[in-house]
């Protein structure tokens, strides 16, 4: 242009976490980030030196996204989370610092860019879309997942396409861009619908699950994860056109070329030796915690293309015809 048995509340967070690969995680962040831009400009960009000196990597993670989520007890898992841990393993070798510790810092769609800019997190591998606006405030590693924004509805719903959303109530998550893409879609011209906002993906899915919303518009991976981990997975379906295609990548501090090179080199190594594809299979094609459900999301051609030619081009480049 995005993988312990828990209480229902925690499970819901994990589901949405898995579901959140994130493409739509764009809305709202740009406003919060702009206020921190000046601070980012003055912050020393030598993340490698900071990490080596402190002995700690502050890793931004998500607790309810498709690419990364919590399974309780302070444990964070998922495709992007485990990929980030492998990046840190490579940093240990680069810095000759085998005892580096990881501090998992939970972030949200609203605070992730400010936390990057003020140095609270060293990097983030969650469900963040790389777009031109964000590139003014942060940098991105090479793309590791290409997300498709879709529509989830209850299985008995008559909604099968964008045009069927007229006069319906649509759930989405604060700080994301999914409904923006819906409004821009050519088949949504002239449609009127009401939006209801969840504070996170788990709450947004709950709005659909409880009938407070007719549809949930979000990244396909997030939708699939939430459906797979719901009480009744057969009670939901993903329908309609692809609303947008978005590149998801690890978010990095602005203007830190050495750190970006180190992260990119690790990702390229994982691509070239086949370990990233095996990791994808583990989190999207095999049973995953906490309920041993399977998302059944095969590796897309768009993601394969991104891996074949590693780059960090923004979402706007994907939209060009």
C-alpha atoms as a PDB file:
ATOM      1  CA  UNK A   1       0.000   0.000   0.000  1.00  0.00           C
ATOM      2  CA  UNK A   2      -0.430  -6.382   7.461  1.00  0.00           C
ATOM      3  CA  UNK A   3      -0.424 -14.445  15.198  1.00  0.00           C
ATOM      4  CA  UNK A   4      -2.485 -19.290  27.994  1.00  0.00           C
ATOM      5  CA  UNK A   5      -5.920 -19.274  27.861  1.00  0.00           C
ATOM      6  CA  UNK A   6      -7.265 -15.780  28.340  1.00  0.00           C
ATOM      7  CA  UNK A   7     -10.286 -14.082  29.751  1.00  0.00           C
ATOM      8  CA  UNK A   8     -12.754 -13.044  27.103  1.00  0.00           C
ATOM      9  CA  UNK A   9     -11.491  -9.482  27.221  1.00  0.00           C
ATOM     10  CA  UNK A  10      -7.856 -10.431  26.822  1.00  0.00           C
ATOM     11  CA  UNK A  11      -8.718 -12.946  24.150  1.00  0.00           C
ATOM     12  CA  UNK A  12     -10.563 -10.282  22.214  1.00  0.00           C
ATOM     13  CA  UNK A  13      -7.494  -8.069  22.309  1.00  0.00           C
ATOM     14  CA  UNK A  14      -5.323 -10.906  21.088  1.00  0.00           C
ATOM     15  CA  UNK A  15      -7.710 -11.703  18.281  1.00  0.00           C
ATOM     16  CA  UNK A  16      -7.751  -8.202  17.005  1.00  0.00           C
ATOM     17  CA  UNK A  17      -4.087  -8.024  17.542  1.00  0.00           C
ATOM     18  CA  UNK A  18      -3.614 -10.925  15.209  1.00  0.00           C
ATOM     19  CA  UNK A  19      -6.091  -9.441  12.912  1.00  0.00           C
ATOM     20  CA  UNK A  20      -4.316  -6.214  12.715  1.00  0.00           C
ATOM     21  CA  UNK A  21      -1.776  -6.403  10.220  1.00  0.00           C
ATOM     22  CA  UNK A  22      -2.254  -3.163   9.804  1.00  0.00           C
ATOM     23  CA  UNK A  23      -2.757  -1.210   6.798  1.00  0.00           C
ATOM     24  CA  UNK A  24      -5.503   0.910   8.018  1.00  0.00           C
ATOM     25  CA  UNK A  25      -3.573   1.955  11.057  1.00  0.00           C
ATOM     26  CA  UNK A  26      -3.072   5.371   9.512  1.00  0.00           C
ATOM     27  CA  UNK A  27      -5.843   7.672  10.683  1.00  0.00           C
ATOM     28  CA  UNK A  28      -5.253  10.017  13.510  1.00  0.00           C
ATOM     29  CA  UNK A  29      -1.561   9.340  13.943  1.00  0.00           C
ATOM     30  CA  UNK A  30      -0.475  12.093  11.638  1.00  0.00           C
ATOM     31  CA  UNK A  31      -2.058  14.826  13.722  1.00  0.00           C
ATOM     32  CA  UNK A  32      -0.463  13.565  16.920  1.00  0.00           C
ATOM     33  CA  UNK A  33       2.859  13.071  15.176  1.00  0.00           C
ATOM     34  CA  UNK A  34       3.063  16.568  13.735  1.00  0.00           C
ATOM     35  CA  UNK A  35       3.311  18.067  17.202  1.00  0.00           C
ATOM     36  CA  UNK A  36       6.344  15.956  17.945  1.00  0.00           C
ATOM     37  CA  UNK A  37       8.150  16.765  14.695  1.00  0.00           C
ATOM     38  CA  UNK A  38      10.278  19.529  16.156  1.00  0.00           C
ATOM     39  CA  UNK A  39      11.451  17.294  18.981  1.00  0.00           C
ATOM     40  CA  UNK A  40      12.334  14.578  16.500  1.00  0.00           C
ATOM     41  CA  UNK A  41      14.479  16.983  14.529  1.00  0.00           C
ATOM     42  CA  UNK A  42      16.628  17.752  17.560  1.00  0.00           C
ATOM     43  CA  UNK A  43      16.925  14.197  18.898  1.00  0.00           C
ATOM     44  CA  UNK A  44      20.284  12.583  18.210  1.00  0.00           C
ATOM     45  CA  UNK A  45      19.809   9.872  15.627  1.00  0.00           C
ATOM     46  CA  UNK A  46      22.286   7.213  16.732  1.00  0.00           C
ATOM     47  CA  UNK A  47      20.046   4.387  17.799  1.00  0.00           C
ATOM     48  CA  UNK A  48      22.770   1.750  17.606  1.00  0.00           C
ATOM     49  CA  UNK A  49      24.953   3.675  20.077  1.00  0.00           C
ATOM     50  CA  UNK A  50      21.986   4.212  22.375  1.00  0.00           C
ATOM     51  CA  UNK A  51      21.124   0.506  22.334  1.00  0.00           C
ATOM     52  CA  UNK A  52      24.693  -0.614  22.961  1.00  0.00           C
ATOM     53  CA  UNK A  53      25.138   1.865  25.798  1.00  0.00           C
ATOM     54  CA  UNK A  54      21.879   0.954  27.556  1.00  0.00           C
ATOM     55  CA  UNK A  55      21.974  -2.777  26.828  1.00  0.00           C
ATOM     56  CA  UNK A  56      18.260  -2.594  26.012  1.00  0.00           C
ATOM     57  CA  UNK A  57      16.192  -2.453  22.826  1.00  0.00           C
ATOM     58  CA  UNK A  58      12.868  -0.693  23.302  1.00  0.00           C
ATOM     59  CA  UNK A  59      10.646  -2.517  20.819  1.00  0.00           C
ATOM     60  CA  UNK A  60       7.240  -1.120  19.922  1.00  0.00           C
ATOM     61  CA  UNK A  61       4.679  -3.922  19.701  1.00  0.00           C
ATOM     62  CA  UNK A  62       0.928  -4.221  19.209  1.00  0.00           C
ATOM     63  CA  UNK A  63      -1.404  -6.141  21.494  1.00  0.00           C
ATOM     64  CA  UNK A  64      -4.298  -6.625  19.086  1.00  0.00           C
ATOM     65  CA  UNK A  65      -3.086  -6.553  15.494  1.00  0.00           C
ATOM     66  CA  UNK A  66      -2.791  -9.313  12.940  1.00  0.00           C
ATOM     67  CA  UNK A  67       0.965  -8.982  12.678  1.00  0.00           C
ATOM     68  CA  UNK A  68       1.557  -8.807  16.391  1.00  0.00           C
ATOM     69  CA  UNK A  69      -0.543  -9.409  19.493  1.00  0.00           C
ATOM     70  CA  UNK A  70      -0.579 -10.330  23.164  1.00  0.00           C
ATOM     71  CA  UNK A  71      -1.434 -13.747  24.561  1.00  0.00           C
ATOM     72  CA  UNK A  72      -1.366 -12.495  28.137  1.00  0.00           C
ATOM     73  CA  UNK A  73       1.186 -12.622  30.884  1.00  0.00           C
ATOM     74  CA  UNK A  74       3.300  -9.944  29.255  1.00  0.00           C
ATOM     75  CA  UNK A  75       4.024 -12.152  26.223  1.00  0.00           C
ATOM     76  CA  UNK A  76       3.840 -10.665  22.729  1.00  0.00           C
ATOM     77  CA  UNK A  77       3.830 -12.827  19.617  1.00  0.00           C
ATOM     78  CA  UNK A  78       3.002 -12.778  15.923  1.00  0.00           C
ATOM     79  CA  UNK A  79       4.671 -12.596  12.535  1.00  0.00           C
ATOM     80  CA  UNK A  80       6.104  -9.104  12.872  1.00  0.00           C
ATOM     81  CA  UNK A  81       6.912  -9.460  16.555  1.00  0.00           C
ATOM     82  CA  UNK A  82       8.980 -12.599  15.987  1.00  0.00           C
ATOM     83  CA  UNK A  83      10.598 -11.039  12.922  1.00  0.00           C
ATOM     84  CA  UNK A  84      11.622  -8.087  15.119  1.00  0.00           C
ATOM     85  CA  UNK A  85      13.124 -10.458  17.670  1.00  0.00           C
ATOM     86  CA  UNK A  86      15.241 -11.961  14.879  1.00  0.00           C
ATOM     87  CA  UNK A  87      16.321  -8.458  13.865  1.00  0.00           C
ATOM     88  CA  UNK A  88      17.458  -7.906  17.453  1.00  0.00           C
ATOM     89  CA  UNK A  89      19.374 -11.193  17.351  1.00  0.00           C
ATOM     90  CA  UNK A  90      21.266  -9.795  14.367  1.00  0.00           C
ATOM     91  CA  UNK A  91      21.843  -6.491  16.178  1.00  0.00           C
ATOM     92  CA  UNK A  92      23.446  -8.445  19.019  1.00  0.00           C
ATOM     93  CA  UNK A  93      25.997  -9.757  16.538  1.00  0.00           C
ATOM     94  CA  UNK A  94      26.496  -6.380  14.830  1.00  0.00           C
ATOM     95  CA  UNK A  95      27.129  -4.645  18.167  1.00  0.00           C
ATOM     96  CA  UNK A  96      28.981  -7.533  19.797  1.00  0.00           C
ATOM     97  CA  UNK A  97      26.392  -7.288  22.553  1.00  0.00           C
ATOM     98  CA  UNK A  98      25.029 -10.815  23.153  1.00  0.00           C
ATOM     99  CA  UNK A  99      23.262  -9.829  26.365  1.00  0.00           C
ATOM    100  CA  UNK A 100      20.962  -7.209  24.850  1.00  0.00           C
ATOM    101  CA  UNK A 101      17.542  -7.232  26.518  1.00  0.00           C
ATOM    102  CA  UNK A 102      14.195  -6.456  24.900  1.00  0.00           C
ATOM    103  CA  UNK A 103      11.742  -4.059  26.522  1.00  0.00           C
ATOM    104  CA  UNK A 104       8.362  -4.668  24.886  1.00  0.00           C
ATOM    105  CA  UNK A 105       6.546  -1.323  24.721  1.00  0.00           C
ATOM    106  CA  UNK A 106       2.874  -1.605  23.751  1.00  0.00           C
ATOM    107  CA  UNK A 107       1.869   1.109  21.313  1.00  0.00           C
ATOM    108  CA  UNK A 108      -1.396   2.214  19.722  1.00  0.00           C
ATOM    109  CA  UNK A 109      -2.370   3.706  16.383  1.00  0.00           C
ATOM    110  CA  UNK A 110      -2.551   7.100  18.064  1.00  0.00           C
ATOM    111  CA  UNK A 111       0.751   7.217  19.976  1.00  0.00           C
ATOM    112  CA  UNK A 112       3.205   5.188  17.906  1.00  0.00           C
ATOM    113  CA  UNK A 113       4.751   8.072  15.945  1.00  0.00           C
ATOM    114  CA  UNK A 114       5.155  10.399  18.952  1.00  0.00           C
ATOM    115  CA  UNK A 115       6.764   7.553  20.924  1.00  0.00           C
ATOM    116  CA  UNK A 116       9.204   7.009  18.074  1.00  0.00           C
ATOM    117  CA  UNK A 117       9.990  10.685  17.824  1.00  0.00           C
ATOM    118  CA  UNK A 118      10.622  11.202  21.533  1.00  0.00           C
ATOM    119  CA  UNK A 119      12.834   8.122  21.797  1.00  0.00           C
ATOM    120  CA  UNK A 120      10.548   5.995  23.959  1.00  0.00           C
ATOM    121  CA  UNK A 121      10.789   3.211  21.378  1.00  0.00           C
ATOM    122  CA  UNK A 122      13.826   2.415  19.233  1.00  0.00           C
ATOM    123  CA  UNK A 123      11.827   0.817  16.466  1.00  0.00           C
ATOM    124  CA  UNK A 124       8.396  -0.705  15.884  1.00  0.00           C
ATOM    125  CA  UNK A 125       7.304  -3.783  13.975  1.00  0.00           C
ATOM    126  CA  UNK A 126       3.540  -3.895  14.184  1.00  0.00           C
ATOM    127  CA  UNK A 127       0.950  -2.957  11.583  1.00  0.00           C
ATOM    128  CA  UNK A 128       2.042   0.503  10.456  1.00  0.00           C
ATOM    129  CA  UNK A 129       1.440   1.547   6.870  1.00  0.00           C
ATOM    130  CA  UNK A 130       4.324   3.280   5.128  1.00  0.00           C
ATOM    131  CA  UNK A 131       2.882   6.388   3.506  1.00  0.00           C
ATOM    132  CA  UNK A 132       4.242   9.707   2.262  1.00  0.00           C
ATOM    133  CA  UNK A 133       2.849  11.740   5.162  1.00  0.00           C
ATOM    134  CA  UNK A 134       4.479   9.510   7.772  1.00  0.00           C
ATOM    135  CA  UNK A 135       7.791   9.554   5.936  1.00  0.00           C
ATOM    136  CA  UNK A 136       8.057  13.225   6.901  1.00  0.00           C
ATOM    137  CA  UNK A 137       8.251  12.234  10.575  1.00  0.00           C
ATOM    138  CA  UNK A 138       9.784   8.739  10.659  1.00  0.00           C
ATOM    139  CA  UNK A 139      11.636   6.317   8.418  1.00  0.00           C
ATOM    140  CA  UNK A 140      10.628   2.814   7.374  1.00  0.00           C
ATOM    141  CA  UNK A 141      12.496  -0.406   6.820  1.00  0.00           C
ATOM    142  CA  UNK A 142      11.892  -2.405   3.653  1.00  0.00           C
ATOM    143  CA  UNK A 143       8.317  -3.643   3.287  1.00  0.00           C
ATOM    144  CA  UNK A 144       7.620  -7.005   4.890  1.00  0.00           C
ATOM    145  CA  UNK A 145       3.858  -7.336   4.371  1.00  0.00           C
ATOM    146  CA  UNK A 146       1.440  -5.883   1.815  1.00  0.00           C
ATOM    147  CA  UNK A 147      -2.018  -5.495   3.269  1.00  0.00           C
ATOM    148  CA  UNK A 148      -5.454  -5.406   1.633  1.00  0.00           C
ATOM    149  CA  UNK A 149      -8.271  -3.449   3.277  1.00  0.00           C
ATOM    150  CA  UNK A 150     -11.522  -5.431   3.262  1.00  0.00           C
ATOM    151  CA  UNK A 151     -15.017  -5.591   4.818  1.00  0.00           C
ATOM    152  CA  UNK A 152     -16.106  -8.078   7.513  1.00  0.00           C
ATOM    153  CA  UNK A 153     -19.776  -8.749   8.221  1.00  0.00           C
ATOM    154  CA  UNK A 154     -21.870 -11.315  10.061  1.00  0.00           C
ATOM    155  CA  UNK A 155     -22.504 -14.499   8.069  1.00  0.00           C
ATOM    156  CA  UNK A 156     -26.240 -13.772   7.758  1.00  0.00           C
ATOM    157  CA  UNK A 157     -25.654 -10.244   6.444  1.00  0.00           C
ATOM    158  CA  UNK A 158     -26.933  -9.150   3.053  1.00  0.00           C
ATOM    159  CA  UNK A 159     -23.832  -7.001   2.585  1.00  0.00           C
ATOM    160  CA  UNK A 160     -21.668  -8.422  -0.183  1.00  0.00           C
ATOM    161  CA  UNK A 161     -20.153  -5.324  -1.758  1.00  0.00           C
ATOM    162  CA  UNK A 162     -19.333  -1.679  -1.136  1.00  0.00           C
ATOM    163  CA  UNK A 163     -22.637  -0.631  -2.666  1.00  0.00           C
ATOM    164  CA  UNK A 164     -24.507  -2.602   0.006  1.00  0.00           C
ATOM    165  CA  UNK A 165     -23.114  -0.346   2.752  1.00  0.00           C
ATOM    166  CA  UNK A 166     -25.618   2.421   2.022  1.00  0.00           C
ATOM    167  CA  UNK A 167     -27.300   3.613   5.246  1.00  0.00           C
ATOM    168  CA  UNK A 168     -25.377   1.025   7.303  1.00  0.00           C
ATOM    169  CA  UNK A 169     -23.291   1.467  10.450  1.00  0.00           C
ATOM    170  CA  UNK A 170     -19.604   0.759   9.899  1.00  0.00           C
ATOM    171  CA  UNK A 171     -17.078   0.069  12.640  1.00  0.00           C
ATOM    172  CA  UNK A 172     -13.442   1.035  12.365  1.00  0.00           C
ATOM    173  CA  UNK A 173     -10.565   1.707  14.736  1.00  0.00           C
ATOM    174  CA  UNK A 174      -9.453   5.108  15.965  1.00  0.00           C
ATOM    175  CA  UNK A 175      -6.130   6.094  14.400  1.00  0.00           C
ATOM    176  CA  UNK A 176      -6.609   4.070  11.210  1.00  0.00           C
ATOM    177  CA  UNK A 177      -7.391   4.950   7.605  1.00  0.00           C
ATOM    178  CA  UNK A 178      -9.801   2.211   6.569  1.00  0.00           C
ATOM    179  CA  UNK A 179     -12.960   4.303   6.232  1.00  0.00           C
ATOM    180  CA  UNK A 180     -10.977   6.989   4.420  1.00  0.00           C
ATOM    181  CA  UNK A 181     -10.184   4.388   1.782  1.00  0.00           C
ATOM    182  CA  UNK A 182     -13.810   3.314   1.676  1.00  0.00           C
ATOM    183  CA  UNK A 183     -14.978   6.865   1.032  1.00  0.00           C
ATOM    184  CA  UNK A 184     -12.438   7.239  -1.766  1.00  0.00           C
ATOM    185  CA  UNK A 185     -13.473   3.999  -3.449  1.00  0.00           C
ATOM    186  CA  UNK A 186     -15.179   4.603  -6.777  1.00  0.00           C
ATOM    187  CA  UNK A 187     -18.119   2.378  -5.857  1.00  0.00           C
ATOM    188  CA  UNK A 188     -18.739   4.332  -2.651  1.00  0.00           C
ATOM    189  CA  UNK A 189     -19.566   7.554  -4.483  1.00  0.00           C
ATOM    190  CA  UNK A 190     -22.812   8.980  -3.136  1.00  0.00           C
ATOM    191  CA  UNK A 191     -23.125   6.411  -0.344  1.00  0.00           C
ATOM    192  CA  UNK A 192     -24.211   7.571   3.104  1.00  0.00           C
ATOM    193  CA  UNK A 193     -23.234   5.517   6.144  1.00  0.00           C
ATOM    194  CA  UNK A 194     -22.586   6.028   9.828  1.00  0.00           C
ATOM    195  CA  UNK A 195     -19.216   5.418  11.479  1.00  0.00           C
ATOM    196  CA  UNK A 196     -18.671   4.041  14.978  1.00  0.00           C
ATOM    197  CA  UNK A 197     -15.146   3.959  16.380  1.00  0.00           C
ATOM    198  CA  UNK A 198     -13.479   1.318  18.511  1.00  0.00           C
ATOM    199  CA  UNK A 199     -10.495   2.369  20.618  1.00  0.00           C
ATOM    200  CA  UNK A 200      -8.626  -0.683  19.326  1.00  0.00           C
ATOM    201  CA  UNK A 201      -9.245  -3.528  16.884  1.00  0.00           C
ATOM    202  CA  UNK A 202     -10.713  -5.783  19.556  1.00  0.00           C
ATOM    203  CA  UNK A 203     -13.333  -3.217  20.467  1.00  0.00           C
ATOM    204  CA  UNK A 204     -14.132  -2.560  16.802  1.00  0.00           C
ATOM    205  CA  UNK A 205     -14.752  -6.266  16.205  1.00  0.00           C
ATOM    206  CA  UNK A 206     -16.910  -6.388  19.322  1.00  0.00           C
ATOM    207  CA  UNK A 207     -19.113  -3.672  17.780  1.00  0.00           C
ATOM    208  CA  UNK A 208     -19.703  -6.008  14.820  1.00  0.00           C
ATOM    209  CA  UNK A 209     -20.070  -9.088  16.999  1.00  0.00           C
ATOM    210  CA  UNK A 210     -22.727  -7.480  19.216  1.00  0.00           C
ATOM    211  CA  UNK A 211     -24.726  -5.997  16.344  1.00  0.00           C
ATOM    212  CA  UNK A 212     -23.821  -2.380  17.092  1.00  0.00           C
ATOM    213  CA  UNK A 213     -22.232  -2.216  13.645  1.00  0.00           C
ATOM    214  CA  UNK A 214     -23.247  -3.824  10.360  1.00  0.00           C
ATOM    215  CA  UNK A 215     -19.689  -4.103   9.055  1.00  0.00           C
ATOM    216  CA  UNK A 216     -16.091  -3.737  10.204  1.00  0.00           C
ATOM    217  CA  UNK A 217     -13.729  -2.192   7.634  1.00  0.00           C
ATOM    218  CA  UNK A 218     -10.063  -2.915   8.304  1.00  0.00           C
ATOM    219  CA  UNK A 219      -6.941  -4.718   7.118  1.00  0.00           C
ATOM    220  CA  UNK A 220      -7.769  -8.201   5.888  1.00  0.00           C
ATOM    221  CA  UNK A 221      -5.297  -9.824   8.254  1.00  0.00           C
ATOM    222  CA  UNK A 222      -6.847  -8.103  11.231  1.00  0.00           C
ATOM    223  CA  UNK A 223     -10.310  -9.141  10.162  1.00  0.00           C
ATOM    224  CA  UNK A 224      -9.234 -12.749   9.603  1.00  0.00           C
ATOM    225  CA  UNK A 225      -7.530 -12.936  12.989  1.00  0.00           C
ATOM    226  CA  UNK A 226     -10.504 -11.554  14.853  1.00  0.00           C
ATOM    227  CA  UNK A 227     -12.882 -13.891  13.073  1.00  0.00           C
ATOM    228  CA  UNK A 228     -10.675 -16.929  13.670  1.00  0.00           C
ATOM    229  CA  UNK A 229     -10.451 -16.216  17.374  1.00  0.00           C
ATOM    230  CA  UNK A 230     -14.075 -15.263  17.964  1.00  0.00           C
ATOM    231  CA  UNK A 231     -16.511 -17.510  19.823  1.00  0.00           C
ATOM    232  CA  UNK A 232     -18.165 -18.431  16.523  1.00  0.00           C
ATOM    233  CA  UNK A 233     -15.821 -18.058  13.527  1.00  0.00           C
ATOM    234  CA  UNK A 234     -18.473 -19.413  11.163  1.00  0.00           C
ATOM    235  CA  UNK A 235     -20.677 -16.496  12.141  1.00  0.00           C
ATOM    236  CA  UNK A 236     -18.620 -14.001  10.115  1.00  0.00           C
ATOM    237  CA  UNK A 237     -17.301 -13.557   6.607  1.00  0.00           C
ATOM    238  CA  UNK A 238     -15.039 -11.201   4.651  1.00  0.00           C
ATOM    239  CA  UNK A 239     -16.724  -9.739   1.585  1.00  0.00           C
ATOM    240  CA  UNK A 240     -16.514  -7.153  -1.135  1.00  0.00           C
ATOM    241  CA  UNK A 241     -13.838  -5.423  -3.120  1.00  0.00           C
ATOM    242  CA  UNK A 242     -10.291  -4.700  -2.014  1.00  0.00           C
ATOM    243  CA  UNK A 243     -10.516  -1.097  -0.819  1.00  0.00           C
ATOM    244  CA  UNK A 244      -6.794  -0.385  -0.850  1.00  0.00           C
ATOM    245  CA  UNK A 245      -3.394  -2.048  -0.920  1.00  0.00           C
ATOM    246  CA  UNK A 246      -0.868  -0.828   1.630  1.00  0.00           C
ATOM    247  CA  UNK A 247       2.767  -1.665   2.410  1.00  0.00           C
ATOM    248  CA  UNK A 248       3.414  -2.513   6.065  1.00  0.00           C
ATOM    249  CA  UNK A 249       6.925  -2.040   7.406  1.00  0.00           C
ATOM    250  CA  UNK A 250       8.893  -1.610  10.604  1.00  0.00           C
ATOM    251  CA  UNK A 251       8.938   2.043  11.656  1.00  0.00           C
ATOM    252  CA  UNK A 252      12.330   3.578  12.456  1.00  0.00           C
ATOM    253  CA  UNK A 253      13.717   6.863  13.819  1.00  0.00           C
ATOM    254  CA  UNK A 254      14.041   9.609  11.218  1.00  0.00           C
ATOM    255  CA  UNK A 255      17.430  10.167   9.597  1.00  0.00           C
ATOM    256  CA  UNK A 256      19.311   7.337  11.291  1.00  0.00           C
ATOM    257  CA  UNK A 257      20.937   5.766   8.243  1.00  0.00           C
ATOM    258  CA  UNK A 258      23.161   3.344  10.166  1.00  0.00           C
ATOM    259  CA  UNK A 259      20.252   1.897  12.121  1.00  0.00           C
ATOM    260  CA  UNK A 260      18.055   1.625   9.020  1.00  0.00           C
ATOM    261  CA  UNK A 261      20.853  -0.221   7.208  1.00  0.00           C
ATOM    262  CA  UNK A 262      21.236  -2.675  10.095  1.00  0.00           C
ATOM    263  CA  UNK A 263      17.482  -3.397  10.246  1.00  0.00           C
ATOM    264  CA  UNK A 264      17.166  -3.665   6.464  1.00  0.00           C
ATOM    265  CA  UNK A 265      20.129  -6.028   6.272  1.00  0.00           C
ATOM    266  CA  UNK A 266      18.533  -8.334   8.821  1.00  0.00           C
ATOM    267  CA  UNK A 267      15.218  -8.375   6.963  1.00  0.00           C
ATOM    268  CA  UNK A 268      16.939  -9.020   3.636  1.00  0.00           C
ATOM    269  CA  UNK A 269      18.870 -11.862   5.244  1.00  0.00           C
ATOM    270  CA  UNK A 270      15.621 -13.377   6.522  1.00  0.00           C
ATOM    271  CA  UNK A 271      14.131 -13.093   3.040  1.00  0.00           C
ATOM    272  CA  UNK A 272      17.113 -14.564   1.230  1.00  0.00           C
ATOM    273  CA  UNK A 273      17.616 -17.553   3.522  1.00  0.00           C
ATOM    274  CA  UNK A 274      13.912 -18.438   3.429  1.00  0.00           C
ATOM    275  CA  UNK A 275      13.361 -17.967   7.165  1.00  0.00           C
ATOM    276  CA  UNK A 276      10.881 -15.098   6.705  1.00  0.00           C
ATOM    277  CA  UNK A 277       8.648 -17.233   4.489  1.00  0.00           C
ATOM    278  CA  UNK A 278       8.762 -20.033   7.063  1.00  0.00           C
ATOM    279  CA  UNK A 279       7.837 -17.515   9.726  1.00  0.00           C
ATOM    280  CA  UNK A 280       4.902 -16.349   7.614  1.00  0.00           C
ATOM    281  CA  UNK A 281       3.693 -19.915   7.246  1.00  0.00           C
ATOM    282  CA  UNK A 282       3.928 -20.388  11.015  1.00  0.00           C
ATOM    283  CA  UNK A 283       1.693 -17.407  11.810  1.00  0.00           C
ATOM    284  CA  UNK A 284      -0.756 -17.423   8.900  1.00  0.00           C
ATOM    285  CA  UNK A 285      -1.081 -21.026   7.746  1.00  0.00           C
ATOM    286  CA  UNK A 286      -0.599 -23.042  10.958  1.00  0.00           C
ATOM    287  CA  UNK A 287      -2.558 -23.106  14.253  1.00  0.00           C
ATOM    288  CA  UNK A 288      -1.581 -20.172  16.453  1.00  0.00           C
ATOM    289  CA  UNK A 289      -2.047 -19.307  20.128  1.00  0.00           C
ATOM    290  CA  UNK A 290      -3.925 -18.917  22.259  1.00  0.00           C
ATOM    291  CA  UNK A 291      -6.735 -21.034  20.741  1.00  0.00           C
ATOM    292  CA  UNK A 292      -4.798 -22.984  18.095  1.00  0.00           C
ATOM    293  CA  UNK A 293      -6.859 -21.442  15.313  1.00  0.00           C
ATOM    294  CA  UNK A 294      -5.574 -21.041  11.748  1.00  0.00           C
ATOM    295  CA  UNK A 295      -5.943 -17.792   9.785  1.00  0.00           C
ATOM    296  CA  UNK A 296      -5.509 -19.460   6.377  1.00  0.00           C
ATOM    297  CA  UNK A 297      -4.044 -16.386   4.672  1.00  0.00           C
ATOM    298  CA  UNK A 298      -1.623 -17.605   1.983  1.00  0.00           C
ATOM    299  CA  UNK A 299       1.304 -15.376   1.093  1.00  0.00           C
ATOM    300  CA  UNK A 300      -0.038 -12.843  -1.410  1.00  0.00           C
ATOM    301  CA  UNK A 301       1.526 -12.046  -4.757  1.00  0.00           C
ATOM    302  CA  UNK A 302       1.966  -8.425  -3.623  1.00  0.00           C
ATOM    303  CA  UNK A 303       3.976  -9.486  -0.584  1.00  0.00           C
ATOM    304  CA  UNK A 304       6.025 -11.923  -2.674  1.00  0.00           C
ATOM    305  CA  UNK A 305       6.841  -9.065  -5.063  1.00  0.00           C
ATOM    306  CA  UNK A 306       7.915  -6.828  -2.180  1.00  0.00           C
ATOM    307  CA  UNK A 307      10.261  -9.529  -0.903  1.00  0.00           C
ATOM    308  CA  UNK A 308      11.677 -10.200  -4.360  1.00  0.00           C
ATOM    309  CA  UNK A 309      12.636  -6.529  -4.716  1.00  0.00           C
ATOM    310  CA  UNK A 310      13.123  -5.131  -1.187  1.00  0.00           C
ATOM    311  CA  UNK A 311      12.156  -1.460  -1.006  1.00  0.00           C
ATOM    312  CA  UNK A 312      10.415   1.034   1.239  1.00  0.00           C
ATOM    313  CA  UNK A 313       8.260   2.818  -1.302  1.00  0.00           C
ATOM    314  CA  UNK A 314       5.167   4.413   0.290  1.00  0.00           C
ATOM    315  CA  UNK A 315       1.538   3.469  -0.196  1.00  0.00           C
ATOM    316  CA  UNK A 316       1.055   6.210  -2.786  1.00  0.00           C
ATOM    317  CA  UNK A 317       3.448   4.401  -5.134  1.00  0.00           C
ATOM    318  CA  UNK A 318       1.257   1.292  -4.941  1.00  0.00           C
ATOM    319  CA  UNK A 319      -1.759   3.334  -5.991  1.00  0.00           C
ATOM    320  CA  UNK A 320      -0.165   4.433  -9.239  1.00  0.00           C
ATOM    321  CA  UNK A 321      -1.511   2.654 -12.273  1.00  0.00           C
END
